[in-house]
Amino acid sequence: MIPLPTLATVPTDLMREPLTTQVYRAIIDYIDEERLAPGDPLPSTAALSERFSVSRPVVREALSALAALGLIELSNGRNAVVRQLDSHLVALFLSRAIRTSADPLTTLMELRAPLEIEAAQLAAMRSTAAQREALSALERAMNDAVSDAKLYVELDLELHRQIAELSGNPALLGVTDAVRGHVFDAMTRLRAHREAIDKVGSEHSEHTRIVEAIAAGDGEAASAAMRSHMEMTAALVRAVEAGTTQPVI
């Protein structure tokens, strides 16, 4: 078993942080080094206190901070246990970054584009036949729902999420989930713009090319199709921001 890290292993620049922060960083290091899975217990408060040569109240504060971050779960009379990670912390950070940017729509697109392009390529390379068929079925459902604005946007959102999931990369999926609300708002806004310029459904052929490339297991084609889709969407975003009816290249 890998021993618990000590505060002596903490980089000098981090030693200026409050003691509680140093301890919770050391506990995170321990979780990573031991490869603790959700549900696995941490050492007792007493053991952590002795290991780090700090008081039990400091350890309890560090554990409370980790619990607030959603990394561990606390319960009376039992050791803290590791929690299943979710994307809510990433969502909080990204939401703040997007909302406070000078151009939220463009900021969102610049974040999404490289991730979506990579996800499409990986999905083509890693997905199973059954997963590809499910993705194709979703694309067909989107085609049938083109005239239903709300349903189409919901299916569009789910298509992109499924592609991220099929990438097999949990970080890509986590970021996709983290910005899901922002993407839904952006898609709804872009749909309204398409309706205003009588271009409803024009983007669906882009989705079809992406899905067909993934279904064929062609990573390069899937990447290229997603890149084209992201570029066209970005041009439409710029048109919305500029208040024009034509995509801004």
Protein backbone atom coordinates (compact mmCIF):
# COMPACT_ATOMS: atom_id res chain seq x y z
CA MET A 1 0.00 0.00 0.00
CA ILE A 2 1.27 3.47 -0.84
CA PRO A 3 1.79 5.44 2.41
CA LEU A 4 -0.22 8.54 3.07
CA PRO A 5 1.50 11.65 1.72
CA THR A 6 2.84 13.96 4.39
CA LEU A 7 2.80 17.73 4.50
CA ALA A 8 6.55 17.56 3.92
CA THR A 9 5.78 16.47 0.35
CA VAL A 10 3.68 19.57 -0.35
CA PRO A 11 5.42 22.01 -2.77
CA THR A 12 6.88 25.09 -1.07
CA ASP A 13 4.57 27.50 -2.90
CA LEU A 14 1.55 25.62 -1.56
CA MET A 15 2.86 25.74 2.02
CA ARG A 16 1.70 29.35 2.15
CA GLU A 17 -1.89 28.11 1.90
CA PRO A 18 -3.99 27.69 5.06
CA LEU A 19 -3.23 24.47 6.91
CA THR A 20 -6.71 23.11 6.23
CA THR A 21 -6.17 23.57 2.48
CA GLN A 22 -2.81 21.80 2.65
CA VAL A 23 -4.41 18.86 4.43
CA TYR A 24 -7.30 18.47 2.00
CA ARG A 25 -4.86 18.61 -0.93
CA ALA A 26 -2.83 15.85 0.73
CA ILE A 27 -5.98 13.76 1.21
CA ILE A 28 -6.86 14.20 -2.47
CA ASP A 29 -3.35 13.03 -3.36
CA TYR A 30 -3.89 9.96 -1.18
CA ILE A 31 -7.20 9.16 -2.89
CA ASP A 32 -5.51 9.40 -6.30
CA GLU A 33 -2.39 7.45 -5.33
CA GLU A 34 -4.38 4.66 -3.69
CA ARG A 35 -6.84 4.67 -6.61
CA LEU A 36 -9.72 4.66 -4.18
CA ALA A 37 -13.05 3.97 -5.84
CA PRO A 38 -16.47 5.38 -4.91
CA GLY A 39 -17.52 3.80 -1.62
CA ASP A 40 -13.97 3.12 -0.43
CA PRO A 41 -13.24 4.45 3.08
CA LEU A 42 -10.56 6.94 4.03
CA PRO A 43 -8.39 6.46 7.12
CA SER A 44 -9.94 7.61 10.36
CA THR A 45 -9.75 11.21 11.52
CA ALA A 46 -7.31 10.09 14.22
CA ALA A 47 -5.06 8.37 11.68
CA LEU A 48 -5.06 11.40 9.39
CA SER A 49 -4.36 13.70 12.33
CA GLU A 50 -1.38 11.61 13.39
CA ARG A 51 -0.05 11.26 9.87
CA PHE A 52 -0.15 14.97 9.10
CA SER A 53 0.83 16.06 12.62
CA VAL A 54 -2.15 18.37 12.81
CA SER A 55 -5.06 18.58 15.20
CA ARG A 56 -8.22 16.61 14.65
CA PRO A 57 -10.26 19.81 14.18
CA VAL A 58 -8.00 20.72 11.23
CA VAL A 59 -8.56 17.27 9.71
CA ARG A 60 -12.31 17.57 10.25
CA GLU A 61 -12.30 20.98 8.54
CA ALA A 62 -10.40 19.50 5.60
CA LEU A 63 -12.83 16.60 5.36
CA SER A 64 -15.78 19.00 5.52
CA ALA A 65 -14.25 21.00 2.67
CA LEU A 66 -13.88 17.84 0.59
CA ALA A 67 -17.46 16.87 1.37
CA ALA A 68 -18.64 20.31 0.26
CA LEU A 69 -16.80 19.75 -3.02
CA GLY A 70 -18.64 16.46 -3.44
CA LEU A 71 -15.47 14.37 -3.32
CA ILE A 72 -16.25 12.44 -0.14
CA GLU A 73 -19.26 11.61 2.00
CA LEU A 74 -19.34 12.08 5.76
CA SER A 75 -21.49 10.21 8.25
CA ASN A 76 -21.53 10.11 12.05
CA GLY A 77 -19.50 7.34 13.62
CA ARG A 78 -17.97 6.12 10.36
CA ASN A 79 -14.91 6.92 8.30
CA ALA A 80 -15.40 9.26 5.37
CA VAL A 81 -15.92 7.46 2.05
CA VAL A 82 -15.07 8.47 -1.50
CA ARG A 83 -18.03 9.67 -3.56
CA GLN A 84 -18.82 9.12 -7.21
CA LEU A 85 -17.55 12.12 -9.14
CA ASP A 86 -20.05 14.24 -11.04
CA SER A 87 -19.74 17.31 -13.20
CA HIS A 88 -21.37 19.86 -10.91
CA LEU A 89 -18.11 21.52 -9.85
CA VAL A 90 -16.93 21.80 -13.45
CA ALA A 91 -20.38 23.14 -14.32
CA LEU A 92 -20.14 25.84 -11.65
CA PHE A 93 -16.75 27.01 -12.90
CA LEU A 94 -17.59 26.90 -16.59
CA SER A 95 -20.97 28.55 -16.05
CA ARG A 96 -19.28 31.45 -14.30
CA ALA A 97 -16.59 31.71 -16.98
CA ILE A 98 -19.15 31.68 -19.80
CA ARG A 99 -21.61 34.09 -18.21
CA THR A 100 -18.96 36.65 -17.29
CA SER A 101 -17.23 36.60 -20.68
CA ALA A 102 -17.68 39.50 -23.09
CA ASP A 103 -19.30 37.19 -25.65
CA PRO A 104 -20.92 34.15 -23.96
CA LEU A 105 -22.09 32.43 -27.16
CA THR A 106 -18.69 32.64 -28.80
CA THR A 107 -16.96 31.58 -25.58
CA LEU A 108 -19.19 28.51 -25.45
CA MET A 109 -18.50 27.62 -29.09
CA GLU A 110 -14.74 28.02 -28.68
CA LEU A 111 -14.90 25.63 -25.74
CA ARG A 112 -17.14 23.09 -27.45
CA ALA A 113 -15.54 22.90 -30.89
CA PRO A 114 -12.24 21.11 -30.16
CA LEU A 115 -13.92 18.78 -27.66
CA GLU A 116 -16.76 17.85 -30.01
CA ILE A 117 -14.37 17.25 -32.91
CA GLU A 118 -12.22 14.93 -30.81
CA ALA A 119 -15.29 13.18 -29.39
CA ALA A 120 -16.62 12.43 -32.87
CA GLN A 121 -13.34 10.89 -33.97
CA LEU A 122 -13.06 8.77 -30.83
CA ALA A 123 -16.71 7.70 -31.08
CA ALA A 124 -16.09 6.37 -34.58
CA MET A 125 -13.06 4.45 -33.38
CA ARG A 126 -14.43 3.08 -30.11
CA SER A 127 -18.19 2.62 -30.41
CA THR A 128 -19.82 -0.78 -30.84
CA ALA A 129 -22.22 -1.76 -33.60
CA ALA A 130 -25.14 -1.55 -31.18
CA GLN A 131 -24.11 1.92 -30.03
CA ARG A 132 -23.77 3.11 -33.61
CA GLU A 133 -27.23 1.82 -34.44
CA ALA A 134 -28.67 3.64 -31.43
CA LEU A 135 -26.97 6.83 -32.58
CA SER A 136 -28.36 6.38 -36.08
CA ALA A 137 -31.84 5.85 -34.65
CA LEU A 138 -31.51 9.10 -32.73
CA GLU A 139 -30.47 10.92 -35.91
CA ARG A 140 -33.54 9.54 -37.69
CA ALA A 141 -35.74 10.73 -34.83
CA MET A 142 -34.20 14.18 -35.20
CA ASN A 143 -35.03 14.18 -38.89
CA ASP A 144 -38.66 13.40 -38.08
CA ALA A 145 -38.75 16.18 -35.49
CA VAL A 146 -37.30 19.01 -37.58
CA SER A 147 -40.56 20.95 -37.50
CA ASP A 148 -40.89 20.64 -33.69
CA ALA A 149 -38.52 23.26 -32.31
CA LYS A 150 -38.43 22.13 -28.69
CA LEU A 151 -38.16 18.42 -29.44
CA TYR A 152 -35.53 18.93 -32.12
CA VAL A 153 -33.33 20.96 -29.78
CA GLU A 154 -33.67 18.32 -27.07
CA LEU A 155 -32.73 15.55 -29.51
CA ASP A 156 -29.86 17.63 -30.88
CA LEU A 157 -28.52 18.05 -27.36
CA GLU A 158 -28.84 14.32 -26.71
CA LEU A 159 -27.07 13.46 -29.98
CA HIS A 160 -24.03 15.47 -28.99
CA ARG A 161 -24.07 13.93 -25.52
CA GLN A 162 -24.22 10.42 -26.93
CA ILE A 163 -21.26 11.15 -29.17
CA ALA A 164 -19.31 12.34 -26.12
CA GLU A 165 -20.31 9.18 -24.27
CA LEU A 166 -19.28 6.97 -27.18
CA SER A 167 -15.85 8.61 -27.16
CA GLY A 168 -15.11 6.51 -24.08
CA ASN A 169 -13.44 9.51 -22.47
CA PRO A 170 -15.07 10.39 -19.13
CA ALA A 171 -13.52 13.86 -19.09
CA LEU A 172 -15.06 14.71 -22.47
CA LEU A 173 -18.42 13.48 -21.23
CA GLY A 174 -18.03 15.40 -17.98
CA VAL A 175 -17.39 18.71 -19.73
CA THR A 176 -20.27 18.02 -22.14
CA ASP A 177 -22.60 17.48 -19.20
CA ALA A 178 -21.19 20.52 -17.41
CA VAL A 179 -22.15 22.91 -20.22
CA ARG A 180 -25.39 21.13 -21.13
CA GLY A 181 -27.62 23.94 -19.90
CA HIS A 182 -25.65 26.58 -21.77
CA VAL A 183 -25.68 24.51 -24.95
CA PHE A 184 -29.45 24.04 -24.69
CA ASP A 185 -29.94 27.80 -24.35
CA ALA A 186 -27.62 28.44 -27.30
CA MET A 187 -29.35 25.82 -29.46
CA THR A 188 -32.74 27.31 -28.63
CA ARG A 189 -31.51 30.77 -29.57
CA LEU A 190 -29.99 29.53 -32.83
CA ARG A 191 -33.19 27.67 -33.68
CA ALA A 192 -35.16 30.91 -33.29
CA HIS A 193 -32.68 32.62 -35.59
CA ARG A 194 -33.06 29.87 -38.20
CA GLU A 195 -36.83 30.26 -38.03
CA ALA A 196 -36.49 34.01 -38.52
CA ILE A 197 -34.42 33.54 -41.69
CA ASP A 198 -36.44 30.55 -42.93
CA LYS A 199 -33.54 28.10 -42.59
CA VAL A 200 -35.14 25.55 -40.27
CA GLY A 201 -33.69 22.08 -40.81
CA SER A 202 -30.79 23.26 -42.93
CA GLU A 203 -28.33 22.03 -40.33
CA HIS A 204 -29.68 18.49 -40.14
CA SER A 205 -27.63 17.27 -43.09
CA GLU A 206 -24.56 18.16 -41.02
CA HIS A 207 -25.74 15.85 -38.25
CA THR A 208 -26.42 13.12 -40.78
CA ARG A 209 -22.86 13.28 -42.12
CA ILE A 210 -21.44 13.09 -38.61
CA VAL A 211 -23.54 10.08 -37.65
CA GLU A 212 -22.89 8.27 -40.94
CA ALA A 213 -19.14 8.68 -40.48
CA ILE A 214 -19.31 7.37 -36.91
CA ALA A 215 -21.50 4.46 -38.03
CA ALA A 216 -18.91 3.63 -40.68
CA GLY A 217 -16.14 3.66 -38.09
CA ASP A 218 -14.33 6.38 -40.03
CA GLY A 219 -12.64 8.56 -37.44
CA GLU A 220 -11.17 11.05 -39.90
CA ALA A 221 -14.49 11.57 -41.67
CA ALA A 222 -16.32 11.92 -38.36
CA SER A 223 -13.81 14.50 -37.19
CA ALA A 224 -14.06 16.43 -40.46
CA ALA A 225 -17.87 16.34 -40.41
CA MET A 226 -17.99 17.60 -36.84
CA ARG A 227 -15.45 20.31 -37.62
CA SER A 228 -17.61 21.50 -40.52
CA HIS A 229 -20.69 21.46 -38.28
CA MET A 230 -18.92 23.45 -35.56
CA GLU A 231 -17.65 25.98 -38.10
CA MET A 232 -21.11 26.47 -39.58
CA THR A 233 -22.61 26.81 -36.12
CA ALA A 234 -19.92 29.30 -35.11
CA ALA A 235 -20.68 31.36 -38.22
CA LEU A 236 -24.35 31.38 -37.26
CA VAL A 237 -23.46 32.41 -33.71
CA ARG A 238 -21.50 35.35 -35.08
CA ALA A 239 -24.51 36.30 -37.21
CA VAL A 240 -26.77 36.23 -34.15
CA GLU A 241 -24.33 38.38 -32.21
CA ALA A 242 -23.98 40.80 -35.13
CA GLY A 243 -27.74 40.97 -35.71
CA THR A 244 -27.46 39.92 -39.35
CA THR A 245 -29.38 37.27 -41.29
CA GLN A 246 -26.31 35.82 -42.99
CA PRO A 247 -23.69 33.57 -41.38
CA VAL A 248 -20.53 35.50 -40.56
CA ILE A 249 -17.47 33.54 -41.71
